[in-house]
Amino acid sequence: MKNDSQANLTEGRAIQVASETGSGSPQCSEGVGGATRKARGRKDLEVGQRFGRLVVVSVLTRKYGMGRSDCICDCGVRKIICDQHLVSEKTRSCGCFGRDQAALRNSRYGLMRVSDIRSMRTSVEYVTWASMMERCGTKTHHAYHHYGGRGINVCEKWRKFSNFFTDMGRRPNGMSLDRIDNNKGYSPENCRWSTMSEQCNNRRTNVVITVGGISKTLSQWSDQIGISGQSLSARIKKGMPLELAVSVKPRPAAILTLNGVSKTIKAWSAELGIKLATIYGRLHAGKSITEALSP
């Protein structure tokens, strides 16, 4: 009787606990130390949902009880991602987002987008900028003594490629970076895109000739009168006055007429395949034009 009453008392307590929890059946518990883990409902993702740079392409079967989705990143890479990582925003890309952020954070190119920086690294503007930085900042550069070694520096603003590109823009065809004043550094106020001829006339080693109050380089004077720089230099070395050296026009090229056709000796040489020196030698020897131009 005593055992029966104890059993009834235990049963009564179990019924009371069940009624207090709102369930007619006892709760299931599992785990170590009586810890209870309730089954939670899971909801699969839908095709087309976006999570950062990732878009769900297809929902895959669960693996080890975890939902998985096949996603495509904005950069074009496809990857299988755990649903939980997508929902919690732990994963927002295939990995390109982190790389891009690190590149932008650690780059010295300013606030340009990383995609723009990558595309510019092979451009002539970037090569020009990098070469400028090397000449002025790297002591082992072969031209450092002409630039950084004599105090030619790059302004603080242009130490970032984005700022250099914003100020100078695209390089026009056939031009290169030039400093207006060769004794000053690289800055927006002292730089321009110029042709090779302009750069040659702007070198600090140029010979400047002043005639009648007009100063020009030897190359500029030679272009003006139509002779080579070597010829003008030879005139000056022989003692010809500067006024004459930069004003006397060259003699017209010698014209030879053969069978009614008139050409310069140089043109006849190219057409007939005879060396220029050979034609001159024949003429100086007293031979006729026909003999001078004979093969």
C-alpha atoms as a PDB file:
ATOM      1  CA  MET A   1       0.000   0.000   0.000  1.00  0.00           C
ATOM      2  CA  LYS A   2       2.815   2.339   0.846  1.00  0.00           C
ATOM      3  CA  ASN A   3       4.454   1.726  -2.569  1.00  0.00           C
ATOM      4  CA  ASP A   4       1.149   2.312  -4.365  1.00  0.00           C
ATOM      5  CA  SER A   5       0.618   5.635  -2.627  1.00  0.00           C
ATOM      6  CA  GLN A   6       4.142   6.782  -3.522  1.00  0.00           C
ATOM      7  CA  ALA A   7       3.551   5.856  -7.185  1.00  0.00           C
ATOM      8  CA  ASN A   8       0.254   7.757  -7.231  1.00  0.00           C
ATOM      9  CA  LEU A   9       1.992  10.787  -5.684  1.00  0.00           C
ATOM     10  CA  THR A  10       4.752  10.710  -8.335  1.00  0.00           C
ATOM     11  CA  GLU A  11       2.207  10.389 -11.138  1.00  0.00           C
ATOM     12  CA  GLY A  12       0.257  13.301  -9.738  1.00  0.00           C
ATOM     13  CA  ARG A  13       3.315  15.501  -9.695  1.00  0.00           C
ATOM     14  CA  ALA A  14       4.113  14.597 -13.335  1.00  0.00           C
ATOM     15  CA  ILE A  15       0.546  15.501 -14.382  1.00  0.00           C
ATOM     16  CA  GLN A  16       0.830  18.827 -12.515  1.00  0.00           C
ATOM     17  CA  VAL A  17       4.113  19.672 -14.293  1.00  0.00           C
ATOM     18  CA  ALA A  18       2.571  18.806 -17.655  1.00  0.00           C
ATOM     19  CA  SER A  19      -0.419  21.065 -17.013  1.00  0.00           C
ATOM     20  CA  GLU A  20       1.867  23.962 -15.998  1.00  0.00           C
ATOM     21  CA  THR A  21       3.864  23.744 -19.280  1.00  0.00           C
ATOM     22  CA  GLY A  22       0.716  23.713 -21.410  1.00  0.00           C
ATOM     23  CA  SER A  23       1.405  20.318 -22.888  1.00  0.00           C
ATOM     24  CA  GLY A  24      -0.281  17.051 -22.377  1.00  0.00           C
ATOM     25  CA  SER A  25       2.902  15.092 -22.830  1.00  0.00           C
ATOM     26  CA  PRO A  26       6.213  15.324 -21.065  1.00  0.00           C
ATOM     27  CA  GLN A  27       9.047  17.444 -22.641  1.00  0.00           C
ATOM     28  CA  CYS A  28      11.920  15.664 -24.351  1.00  0.00           C
ATOM     29  CA  SER A  29      15.370  16.612 -23.163  1.00  0.00           C
ATOM     30  CA  GLU A  30      18.790  15.567 -24.341  1.00  0.00           C
ATOM     31  CA  GLY A  31      22.352  16.535 -23.846  1.00  0.00           C
ATOM     32  CA  VAL A  32      24.847  16.552 -21.048  1.00  0.00           C
ATOM     33  CA  GLY A  33      23.820  17.800 -17.626  1.00  0.00           C
ATOM     34  CA  GLY A  34      20.139  17.944 -18.530  1.00  0.00           C
ATOM     35  CA  ALA A  35      20.627  20.870 -20.994  1.00  0.00           C
ATOM     36  CA  THR A  36      17.634  21.155 -23.284  1.00  0.00           C
ATOM     37  CA  ARG A  37      18.019  21.836 -27.053  1.00  0.00           C
ATOM     38  CA  LYS A  38      14.782  22.512 -28.878  1.00  0.00           C
ATOM     39  CA  ALA A  39      14.506  21.787 -32.545  1.00  0.00           C
ATOM     40  CA  ARG A  40      14.449  25.018 -34.508  1.00  0.00           C
ATOM     41  CA  GLY A  41      12.701  25.403 -37.862  1.00  0.00           C
ATOM     42  CA  ARG A  42      14.914  26.259 -40.844  1.00  0.00           C
ATOM     43  CA  LYS A  43      13.844  28.182 -43.930  1.00  0.00           C
ATOM     44  CA  ASP A  44      15.679  27.751 -47.224  1.00  0.00           C
ATOM     45  CA  LEU A  45      16.747  30.796 -49.250  1.00  0.00           C
ATOM     46  CA  GLU A  46      15.140  31.717 -52.536  1.00  0.00           C
ATOM     47  CA  VAL A  47      16.666  32.029 -55.985  1.00  0.00           C
ATOM     48  CA  GLY A  48      17.473  35.635 -56.799  1.00  0.00           C
ATOM     49  CA  GLN A  49      18.073  36.788 -53.230  1.00  0.00           C
ATOM     50  CA  ARG A  50      21.049  39.132 -52.890  1.00  0.00           C
ATOM     51  CA  PHE A  51      23.531  39.188 -50.031  1.00  0.00           C
ATOM     52  CA  GLY A  52      26.172  41.849 -50.566  1.00  0.00           C
ATOM     53  CA  ARG A  53      27.833  41.010 -53.875  1.00  0.00           C
ATOM     54  CA  LEU A  54      26.363  37.505 -53.959  1.00  0.00           C
ATOM     55  CA  VAL A  55      23.138  36.462 -55.689  1.00  0.00           C
ATOM     56  CA  VAL A  56      21.549  33.039 -55.097  1.00  0.00           C
ATOM     57  CA  VAL A  57      21.464  31.036 -58.330  1.00  0.00           C
ATOM     58  CA  SER A  58      20.115  27.760 -56.970  1.00  0.00           C
ATOM     59  CA  VAL A  59      19.270  26.197 -53.608  1.00  0.00           C
ATOM     60  CA  LEU A  60      21.164  22.965 -52.950  1.00  0.00           C
ATOM     61  CA  THR A  61      20.327  19.984 -50.764  1.00  0.00           C
ATOM     62  CA  ARG A  62      21.300  20.226 -47.122  1.00  0.00           C
ATOM     63  CA  LYS A  63      24.597  18.826 -45.958  1.00  0.00           C
ATOM     64  CA  TYR A  64      25.115  17.865 -42.328  1.00  0.00           C
ATOM     65  CA  GLY A  65      21.826  19.577 -41.594  1.00  0.00           C
ATOM     66  CA  MET A  66      22.991  22.929 -42.984  1.00  0.00           C
ATOM     67  CA  GLY A  67      21.423  24.771 -45.884  1.00  0.00           C
ATOM     68  CA  ARG A  68      23.626  25.563 -48.863  1.00  0.00           C
ATOM     69  CA  SER A  69      23.187  27.788 -51.904  1.00  0.00           C
ATOM     70  CA  ASP A  70      24.979  28.137 -55.210  1.00  0.00           C
ATOM     71  CA  CYS A  71      25.788  31.864 -55.572  1.00  0.00           C
ATOM     72  CA  ILE A  72      27.328  34.053 -58.212  1.00  0.00           C
ATOM     73  CA  CYS A  73      29.407  37.085 -57.257  1.00  0.00           C
ATOM     74  CA  ASP A  74      29.302  40.441 -59.024  1.00  0.00           C
ATOM     75  CA  CYS A  75      32.830  39.744 -60.238  1.00  0.00           C
ATOM     76  CA  GLY A  76      31.586  36.617 -62.049  1.00  0.00           C
ATOM     77  CA  VAL A  77      32.871  33.906 -59.686  1.00  0.00           C
ATOM     78  CA  ARG A  78      30.437  31.180 -58.595  1.00  0.00           C
ATOM     79  CA  LYS A  79      30.702  29.658 -55.169  1.00  0.00           C
ATOM     80  CA  ILE A  80      28.718  27.410 -52.807  1.00  0.00           C
ATOM     81  CA  ILE A  81      27.994  29.285 -49.575  1.00  0.00           C
ATOM     82  CA  CYS A  82      26.415  28.174 -46.317  1.00  0.00           C
ATOM     83  CA  ASP A  83      22.977  29.819 -45.891  1.00  0.00           C
ATOM     84  CA  GLN A  84      23.752  30.765 -42.311  1.00  0.00           C
ATOM     85  CA  HIS A  85      26.822  32.723 -43.446  1.00  0.00           C
ATOM     86  CA  LEU A  86      24.748  34.599 -46.011  1.00  0.00           C
ATOM     87  CA  VAL A  87      21.944  35.527 -43.614  1.00  0.00           C
ATOM     88  CA  SER A  88      24.349  36.611 -40.868  1.00  0.00           C
ATOM     89  CA  GLU A  89      26.347  38.665 -43.452  1.00  0.00           C
ATOM     90  CA  LYS A  90      29.472  36.784 -42.531  1.00  0.00           C
ATOM     91  CA  THR A  91      29.998  36.153 -46.232  1.00  0.00           C
ATOM     92  CA  ARG A  92      29.270  39.028 -48.631  1.00  0.00           C
ATOM     93  CA  SER A  93      31.339  38.055 -51.660  1.00  0.00           C
ATOM     94  CA  CYS A  94      33.456  35.312 -53.153  1.00  0.00           C
ATOM     95  CA  GLY A  95      36.440  36.926 -51.436  1.00  0.00           C
ATOM     96  CA  CYS A  96      36.947  39.812 -53.852  1.00  0.00           C
ATOM     97  CA  PHE A  97      35.353  42.357 -51.501  1.00  0.00           C
ATOM     98  CA  GLY A  98      38.008  41.835 -48.837  1.00  0.00           C
ATOM     99  CA  ARG A  99      40.819  41.961 -51.384  1.00  0.00           C
ATOM    100  CA  ASP A 100      39.486  45.155 -52.917  1.00  0.00           C
ATOM    101  CA  GLN A 101      39.055  46.831 -49.550  1.00  0.00           C
ATOM    102  CA  ALA A 102      42.583  45.869 -48.507  1.00  0.00           C
ATOM    103  CA  ALA A 103      44.023  47.155 -51.771  1.00  0.00           C
ATOM    104  CA  LEU A 104      42.160  50.436 -51.458  1.00  0.00           C
ATOM    105  CA  ARG A 105      43.130  50.817 -47.809  1.00  0.00           C
ATOM    106  CA  ASN A 106      46.796  50.091 -48.383  1.00  0.00           C
ATOM    107  CA  SER A 107      47.271  51.677 -51.782  1.00  0.00           C
ATOM    108  CA  ARG A 108      49.035  54.955 -52.288  1.00  0.00           C
ATOM    109  CA  TYR A 109      46.848  55.861 -55.231  1.00  0.00           C
ATOM    110  CA  GLY A 110      44.224  57.842 -53.293  1.00  0.00           C
ATOM    111  CA  LEU A 111      40.470  57.381 -53.456  1.00  0.00           C
ATOM    112  CA  MET A 112      40.249  55.889 -56.954  1.00  0.00           C
ATOM    113  CA  ARG A 113      38.226  52.719 -57.238  1.00  0.00           C
ATOM    114  CA  VAL A 114      40.396  49.629 -57.176  1.00  0.00           C
ATOM    115  CA  SER A 115      39.028  48.493 -60.536  1.00  0.00           C
ATOM    116  CA  ASP A 116      40.139  51.802 -62.036  1.00  0.00           C
ATOM    117  CA  ILE A 117      43.577  51.509 -60.439  1.00  0.00           C
ATOM    118  CA  ARG A 118      44.048  48.004 -61.827  1.00  0.00           C
ATOM    119  CA  SER A 119      43.103  49.092 -65.338  1.00  0.00           C
ATOM    120  CA  MET A 120      45.432  52.122 -65.129  1.00  0.00           C
ATOM    121  CA  ARG A 121      48.540  50.212 -64.073  1.00  0.00           C
ATOM    122  CA  THR A 122      49.361  49.394 -67.685  1.00  0.00           C
ATOM    123  CA  SER A 123      48.481  52.865 -68.993  1.00  0.00           C
ATOM    124  CA  VAL A 124      51.062  55.356 -70.248  1.00  0.00           C
ATOM    125  CA  GLU A 125      49.899  57.813 -67.584  1.00  0.00           C
ATOM    126  CA  TYR A 126      50.679  55.381 -64.758  1.00  0.00           C
ATOM    127  CA  VAL A 127      54.032  54.455 -66.302  1.00  0.00           C
ATOM    128  CA  THR A 128      54.853  58.169 -66.588  1.00  0.00           C
ATOM    129  CA  TRP A 129      53.900  58.755 -62.949  1.00  0.00           C
ATOM    130  CA  ALA A 130      55.849  55.743 -61.691  1.00  0.00           C
ATOM    131  CA  SER A 131      58.927  56.760 -63.685  1.00  0.00           C
ATOM    132  CA  MET A 132      58.711  60.281 -62.258  1.00  0.00           C
ATOM    133  CA  MET A 133      58.537  58.894 -58.720  1.00  0.00           C
ATOM    134  CA  GLU A 134      61.513  56.615 -59.365  1.00  0.00           C
ATOM    135  CA  ARG A 135      63.735  59.340 -60.834  1.00  0.00           C
ATOM    136  CA  CYS A 136      63.094  61.655 -57.910  1.00  0.00           C
ATOM    137  CA  GLY A 137      62.897  59.219 -55.014  1.00  0.00           C
ATOM    138  CA  THR A 138      65.037  56.155 -55.697  1.00  0.00           C
ATOM    139  CA  LYS A 139      68.753  56.754 -55.207  1.00  0.00           C
ATOM    140  CA  THR A 140      69.665  53.621 -57.159  1.00  0.00           C
ATOM    141  CA  HIS A 141      67.844  54.869 -60.283  1.00  0.00           C
ATOM    142  CA  HIS A 142      70.275  55.542 -63.139  1.00  0.00           C
ATOM    143  CA  ALA A 143      68.959  59.116 -63.606  1.00  0.00           C
ATOM    144  CA  TYR A 144      68.600  60.014 -59.925  1.00  0.00           C
ATOM    145  CA  HIS A 145      71.587  62.389 -60.017  1.00  0.00           C
ATOM    146  CA  HIS A 146      69.809  64.445 -62.694  1.00  0.00           C
ATOM    147  CA  TYR A 147      66.594  64.700 -60.663  1.00  0.00           C
ATOM    148  CA  GLY A 148      66.362  63.811 -56.979  1.00  0.00           C
ATOM    149  CA  GLY A 149      70.106  64.172 -56.610  1.00  0.00           C
ATOM    150  CA  ARG A 150      69.969  67.854 -57.542  1.00  0.00           C
ATOM    151  CA  GLY A 151      66.828  68.683 -55.561  1.00  0.00           C
ATOM    152  CA  ILE A 152      64.094  67.929 -58.093  1.00  0.00           C
ATOM    153  CA  ASN A 153      61.183  66.513 -56.068  1.00  0.00           C
ATOM    154  CA  VAL A 154      57.564  65.530 -56.595  1.00  0.00           C
ATOM    155  CA  CYS A 155      55.036  67.724 -54.800  1.00  0.00           C
ATOM    156  CA  GLU A 156      53.107  66.136 -51.926  1.00  0.00           C
ATOM    157  CA  LYS A 157      49.835  66.145 -53.866  1.00  0.00           C
ATOM    158  CA  TRP A 158      51.264  64.128 -56.746  1.00  0.00           C
ATOM    159  CA  ARG A 159      52.594  61.363 -54.531  1.00  0.00           C
ATOM    160  CA  LYS A 160      49.169  59.796 -55.124  1.00  0.00           C
ATOM    161  CA  PHE A 161      48.564  58.652 -58.678  1.00  0.00           C
ATOM    162  CA  SER A 162      44.894  59.661 -58.605  1.00  0.00           C
ATOM    163  CA  ASN A 163      45.824  63.291 -57.966  1.00  0.00           C
ATOM    164  CA  PHE A 164      48.441  63.271 -60.739  1.00  0.00           C
ATOM    165  CA  PHE A 165      45.926  61.822 -63.194  1.00  0.00           C
ATOM    166  CA  THR A 166      43.230  64.309 -62.165  1.00  0.00           C
ATOM    167  CA  ASP A 167      45.542  67.272 -62.812  1.00  0.00           C
ATOM    168  CA  MET A 168      47.257  66.072 -66.003  1.00  0.00           C
ATOM    169  CA  GLY A 169      44.562  63.915 -67.602  1.00  0.00           C
ATOM    170  CA  ARG A 170      45.213  61.543 -70.485  1.00  0.00           C
ATOM    171  CA  ARG A 171      48.511  61.917 -72.310  1.00  0.00           C
ATOM    172  CA  PRO A 172      48.013  63.202 -75.870  1.00  0.00           C
ATOM    173  CA  ASN A 173      49.524  61.076 -78.612  1.00  0.00           C
ATOM    174  CA  GLY A 174      53.141  61.892 -79.327  1.00  0.00           C
ATOM    175  CA  MET A 175      53.650  63.854 -76.123  1.00  0.00           C
ATOM    176  CA  SER A 176      55.333  63.241 -72.784  1.00  0.00           C
ATOM    177  CA  LEU A 177      55.617  64.875 -69.362  1.00  0.00           C
ATOM    178  CA  ASP A 178      57.728  68.031 -69.346  1.00  0.00           C
ATOM    179  CA  ARG A 179      58.722  70.557 -66.671  1.00  0.00           C
ATOM    180  CA  ILE A 180      58.382  74.185 -67.744  1.00  0.00           C
ATOM    181  CA  ASP A 181      61.224  75.264 -65.469  1.00  0.00           C
ATOM    182  CA  ASN A 182      63.917  72.591 -65.363  1.00  0.00           C
ATOM    183  CA  ASN A 183      65.241  73.903 -62.057  1.00  0.00           C
ATOM    184  CA  LYS A 184      61.933  73.293 -60.287  1.00  0.00           C
ATOM    185  CA  GLY A 185      60.211  70.062 -59.294  1.00  0.00           C
ATOM    186  CA  TYR A 186      57.138  68.217 -60.525  1.00  0.00           C
ATOM    187  CA  SER A 187      53.893  70.027 -59.676  1.00  0.00           C
ATOM    188  CA  PRO A 188      50.657  71.046 -61.464  1.00  0.00           C
ATOM    189  CA  GLU A 189      52.007  74.566 -61.973  1.00  0.00           C
ATOM    190  CA  ASN A 190      55.316  73.471 -63.511  1.00  0.00           C
ATOM    191  CA  CYS A 191      54.328  70.521 -65.709  1.00  0.00           C
ATOM    192  CA  ARG A 192      52.692  70.026 -69.090  1.00  0.00           C
ATOM    193  CA  TRP A 193      52.341  67.474 -71.862  1.00  0.00           C
ATOM    194  CA  SER A 194      54.714  68.484 -74.681  1.00  0.00           C
ATOM    195  CA  THR A 195      56.169  67.122 -77.902  1.00  0.00           C
ATOM    196  CA  MET A 196      59.677  65.730 -78.169  1.00  0.00           C
ATOM    197  CA  SER A 197      60.779  68.834 -80.071  1.00  0.00           C
ATOM    198  CA  GLU A 198      59.471  71.084 -77.303  1.00  0.00           C
ATOM    199  CA  GLN A 199      61.232  68.987 -74.696  1.00  0.00           C
ATOM    200  CA  CYS A 200      64.508  69.107 -76.611  1.00  0.00           C
ATOM    201  CA  ASN A 201      64.271  72.884 -76.715  1.00  0.00           C
ATOM    202  CA  ASN A 202      63.588  72.968 -72.977  1.00  0.00           C
ATOM    203  CA  ARG A 203      66.665  71.101 -71.770  1.00  0.00           C
ATOM    204  CA  ARG A 204      68.965  72.825 -69.325  1.00  0.00           C
ATOM    205  CA  THR A 205      71.970  71.703 -71.397  1.00  0.00           C
ATOM    206  CA  ASN A 206      70.734  73.477 -74.544  1.00  0.00           C
ATOM    207  CA  VAL A 207      72.885  76.112 -76.225  1.00  0.00           C
ATOM    208  CA  VAL A 208      70.952  79.381 -76.334  1.00  0.00           C
ATOM    209  CA  ILE A 209      71.833  81.899 -79.047  1.00  0.00           C
ATOM    210  CA  THR A 210      70.699  85.510 -78.747  1.00  0.00           C
ATOM    211  CA  VAL A 211      70.554  87.618 -81.923  1.00  0.00           C
ATOM    212  CA  GLY A 212      68.854  91.008 -82.066  1.00  0.00           C
ATOM    213  CA  GLY A 213      67.443  90.561 -78.578  1.00  0.00           C
ATOM    214  CA  ILE A 214      65.787  87.264 -79.542  1.00  0.00           C
ATOM    215  CA  SER A 215      66.967  84.173 -77.667  1.00  0.00           C
ATOM    216  CA  LYS A 216      66.427  80.712 -79.104  1.00  0.00           C
ATOM    217  CA  THR A 217      68.082  77.367 -78.804  1.00  0.00           C
ATOM    218  CA  LEU A 218      70.383  76.157 -81.547  1.00  0.00           C
ATOM    219  CA  SER A 219      67.725  73.685 -82.628  1.00  0.00           C
ATOM    220  CA  GLN A 220      65.094  76.415 -82.934  1.00  0.00           C
ATOM    221  CA  TRP A 221      67.379  78.653 -85.017  1.00  0.00           C
ATOM    222  CA  SER A 222      68.277  75.751 -87.307  1.00  0.00           C
ATOM    223  CA  ASP A 223      64.596  74.930 -87.875  1.00  0.00           C
ATOM    224  CA  GLN A 224      63.905  78.564 -88.710  1.00  0.00           C
ATOM    225  CA  ILE A 225      66.537  78.878 -91.437  1.00  0.00           C
ATOM    226  CA  GLY A 226      66.106  75.346 -92.742  1.00  0.00           C
ATOM    227  CA  ILE A 227      69.442  73.718 -91.967  1.00  0.00           C
ATOM    228  CA  SER A 228      70.499  71.004 -89.579  1.00  0.00           C
ATOM    229  CA  GLY A 229      71.710  71.755 -86.073  1.00  0.00           C
ATOM    230  CA  GLN A 230      75.094  70.307 -86.996  1.00  0.00           C
ATOM    231  CA  SER A 231      75.461  72.710 -89.914  1.00  0.00           C
ATOM    232  CA  LEU A 232      74.555  75.708 -87.767  1.00  0.00           C
ATOM    233  CA  SER A 233      76.959  74.574 -85.080  1.00  0.00           C
ATOM    234  CA  ALA A 234      79.712  74.180 -87.709  1.00  0.00           C
ATOM    235  CA  ARG A 235      79.107  77.734 -88.956  1.00  0.00           C
ATOM    236  CA  ILE A 236      79.524  79.124 -85.442  1.00  0.00           C
ATOM    237  CA  LYS A 237      82.645  77.045 -84.759  1.00  0.00           C
ATOM    238  CA  LYS A 238      84.240  78.313 -87.981  1.00  0.00           C
ATOM    239  CA  GLY A 239      83.845  81.859 -86.702  1.00  0.00           C
ATOM    240  CA  MET A 240      80.872  83.026 -88.745  1.00  0.00           C
ATOM    241  CA  PRO A 241      79.129  85.969 -87.003  1.00  0.00           C
ATOM    242  CA  LEU A 242      75.961  84.896 -85.220  1.00  0.00           C
ATOM    243  CA  GLU A 243      73.829  87.302 -87.283  1.00  0.00           C
ATOM    244  CA  LEU A 244      74.960  85.616 -90.486  1.00  0.00           C
ATOM    245  CA  ALA A 245      74.986  82.108 -89.059  1.00  0.00           C
ATOM    246  CA  VAL A 246      71.288  82.278 -88.170  1.00  0.00           C
ATOM    247  CA  SER A 247      70.162  84.177 -91.253  1.00  0.00           C
ATOM    248  CA  VAL A 248      71.983  82.746 -94.290  1.00  0.00           C
ATOM    249  CA  LYS A 249      69.726  80.254 -96.032  1.00  0.00           C
ATOM    250  CA  PRO A 250      71.262  77.023 -97.300  1.00  0.00           C
ATOM    251  CA  ARG A 251      72.077  76.714-100.981  1.00  0.00           C
ATOM    252  CA  PRO A 252      69.422  74.907-102.985  1.00  0.00           C
ATOM    253  CA  ALA A 253      70.157  71.275-103.701  1.00  0.00           C
ATOM    254  CA  ALA A 254      71.982  70.572-106.965  1.00  0.00           C
ATOM    255  CA  ILE A 255      69.597  69.483-109.706  1.00  0.00           C
ATOM    256  CA  LEU A 256      70.633  67.063-112.441  1.00  0.00           C
ATOM    257  CA  THR A 257      68.587  66.706-115.616  1.00  0.00           C
ATOM    258  CA  LEU A 258      68.721  63.459-117.562  1.00  0.00           C
ATOM    259  CA  ASN A 259      66.505  62.715-120.551  1.00  0.00           C
ATOM    260  CA  GLY A 260      64.257  65.644-119.696  1.00  0.00           C
ATOM    261  CA  VAL A 261      63.790  64.539-116.058  1.00  0.00           C
ATOM    262  CA  SER A 262      65.155  66.838-113.330  1.00  0.00           C
ATOM    263  CA  LYS A 263      65.910  65.522-109.848  1.00  0.00           C
ATOM    264  CA  THR A 264      68.287  66.175-106.985  1.00  0.00           C
ATOM    265  CA  ILE A 265      71.448  64.124-106.801  1.00  0.00           C
ATOM    266  CA  LYS A 266      70.079  62.430-103.695  1.00  0.00           C
ATOM    267  CA  ALA A 267      66.901  61.454-105.533  1.00  0.00           C
ATOM    268  CA  TRP A 268      68.875  60.064-108.496  1.00  0.00           C
ATOM    269  CA  SER A 269      71.040  58.113-106.061  1.00  0.00           C
ATOM    270  CA  ALA A 270      68.010  56.504-104.428  1.00  0.00           C
ATOM    271  CA  GLU A 271      66.315  55.707-107.742  1.00  0.00           C
ATOM    272  CA  LEU A 272      69.343  54.277-109.555  1.00  0.00           C
ATOM    273  CA  GLY A 273      70.888  52.568-106.545  1.00  0.00           C
ATOM    274  CA  ILE A 274      74.173  54.417-106.964  1.00  0.00           C
ATOM    275  CA  LYS A 275      75.958  55.700-103.898  1.00  0.00           C
ATOM    276  CA  LEU A 276      75.778  59.455-103.430  1.00  0.00           C
ATOM    277  CA  ALA A 277      79.547  59.655-103.021  1.00  0.00           C
ATOM    278  CA  THR A 278      80.013  57.821-106.333  1.00  0.00           C
ATOM    279  CA  ILE A 279      77.910  60.359-108.244  1.00  0.00           C
ATOM    280  CA  TYR A 280      79.735  63.279-106.640  1.00  0.00           C
ATOM    281  CA  GLY A 281      83.074  61.649-107.399  1.00  0.00           C
ATOM    282  CA  ARG A 282      82.223  61.185-111.075  1.00  0.00           C
ATOM    283  CA  LEU A 283      81.047  64.773-111.407  1.00  0.00           C
ATOM    284  CA  HIS A 284      84.184  66.107-109.715  1.00  0.00           C
ATOM    285  CA  ALA A 285      86.239  63.966-112.087  1.00  0.00           C
ATOM    286  CA  GLY A 286      84.693  65.878-115.011  1.00  0.00           C
ATOM    287  CA  LYS A 287      82.331  63.203-116.282  1.00  0.00           C
ATOM    288  CA  SER A 288      79.057  64.115-117.929  1.00  0.00           C
ATOM    289  CA  ILE A 289      75.695  63.767-116.195  1.00  0.00           C
ATOM    290  CA  THR A 290      74.920  60.727-118.322  1.00  0.00           C
ATOM    291  CA  GLU A 291      78.206  59.091-117.301  1.00  0.00           C
ATOM    292  CA  ALA A 292      77.775  60.131-113.659  1.00  0.00           C
ATOM    293  CA  LEU A 293      74.349  58.515-113.479  1.00  0.00           C
ATOM    294  CA  SER A 294      75.307  55.355-115.372  1.00  0.00           C
ATOM    295  CA  PRO A 295      75.140  52.127-113.330  1.00  0.00           C
END
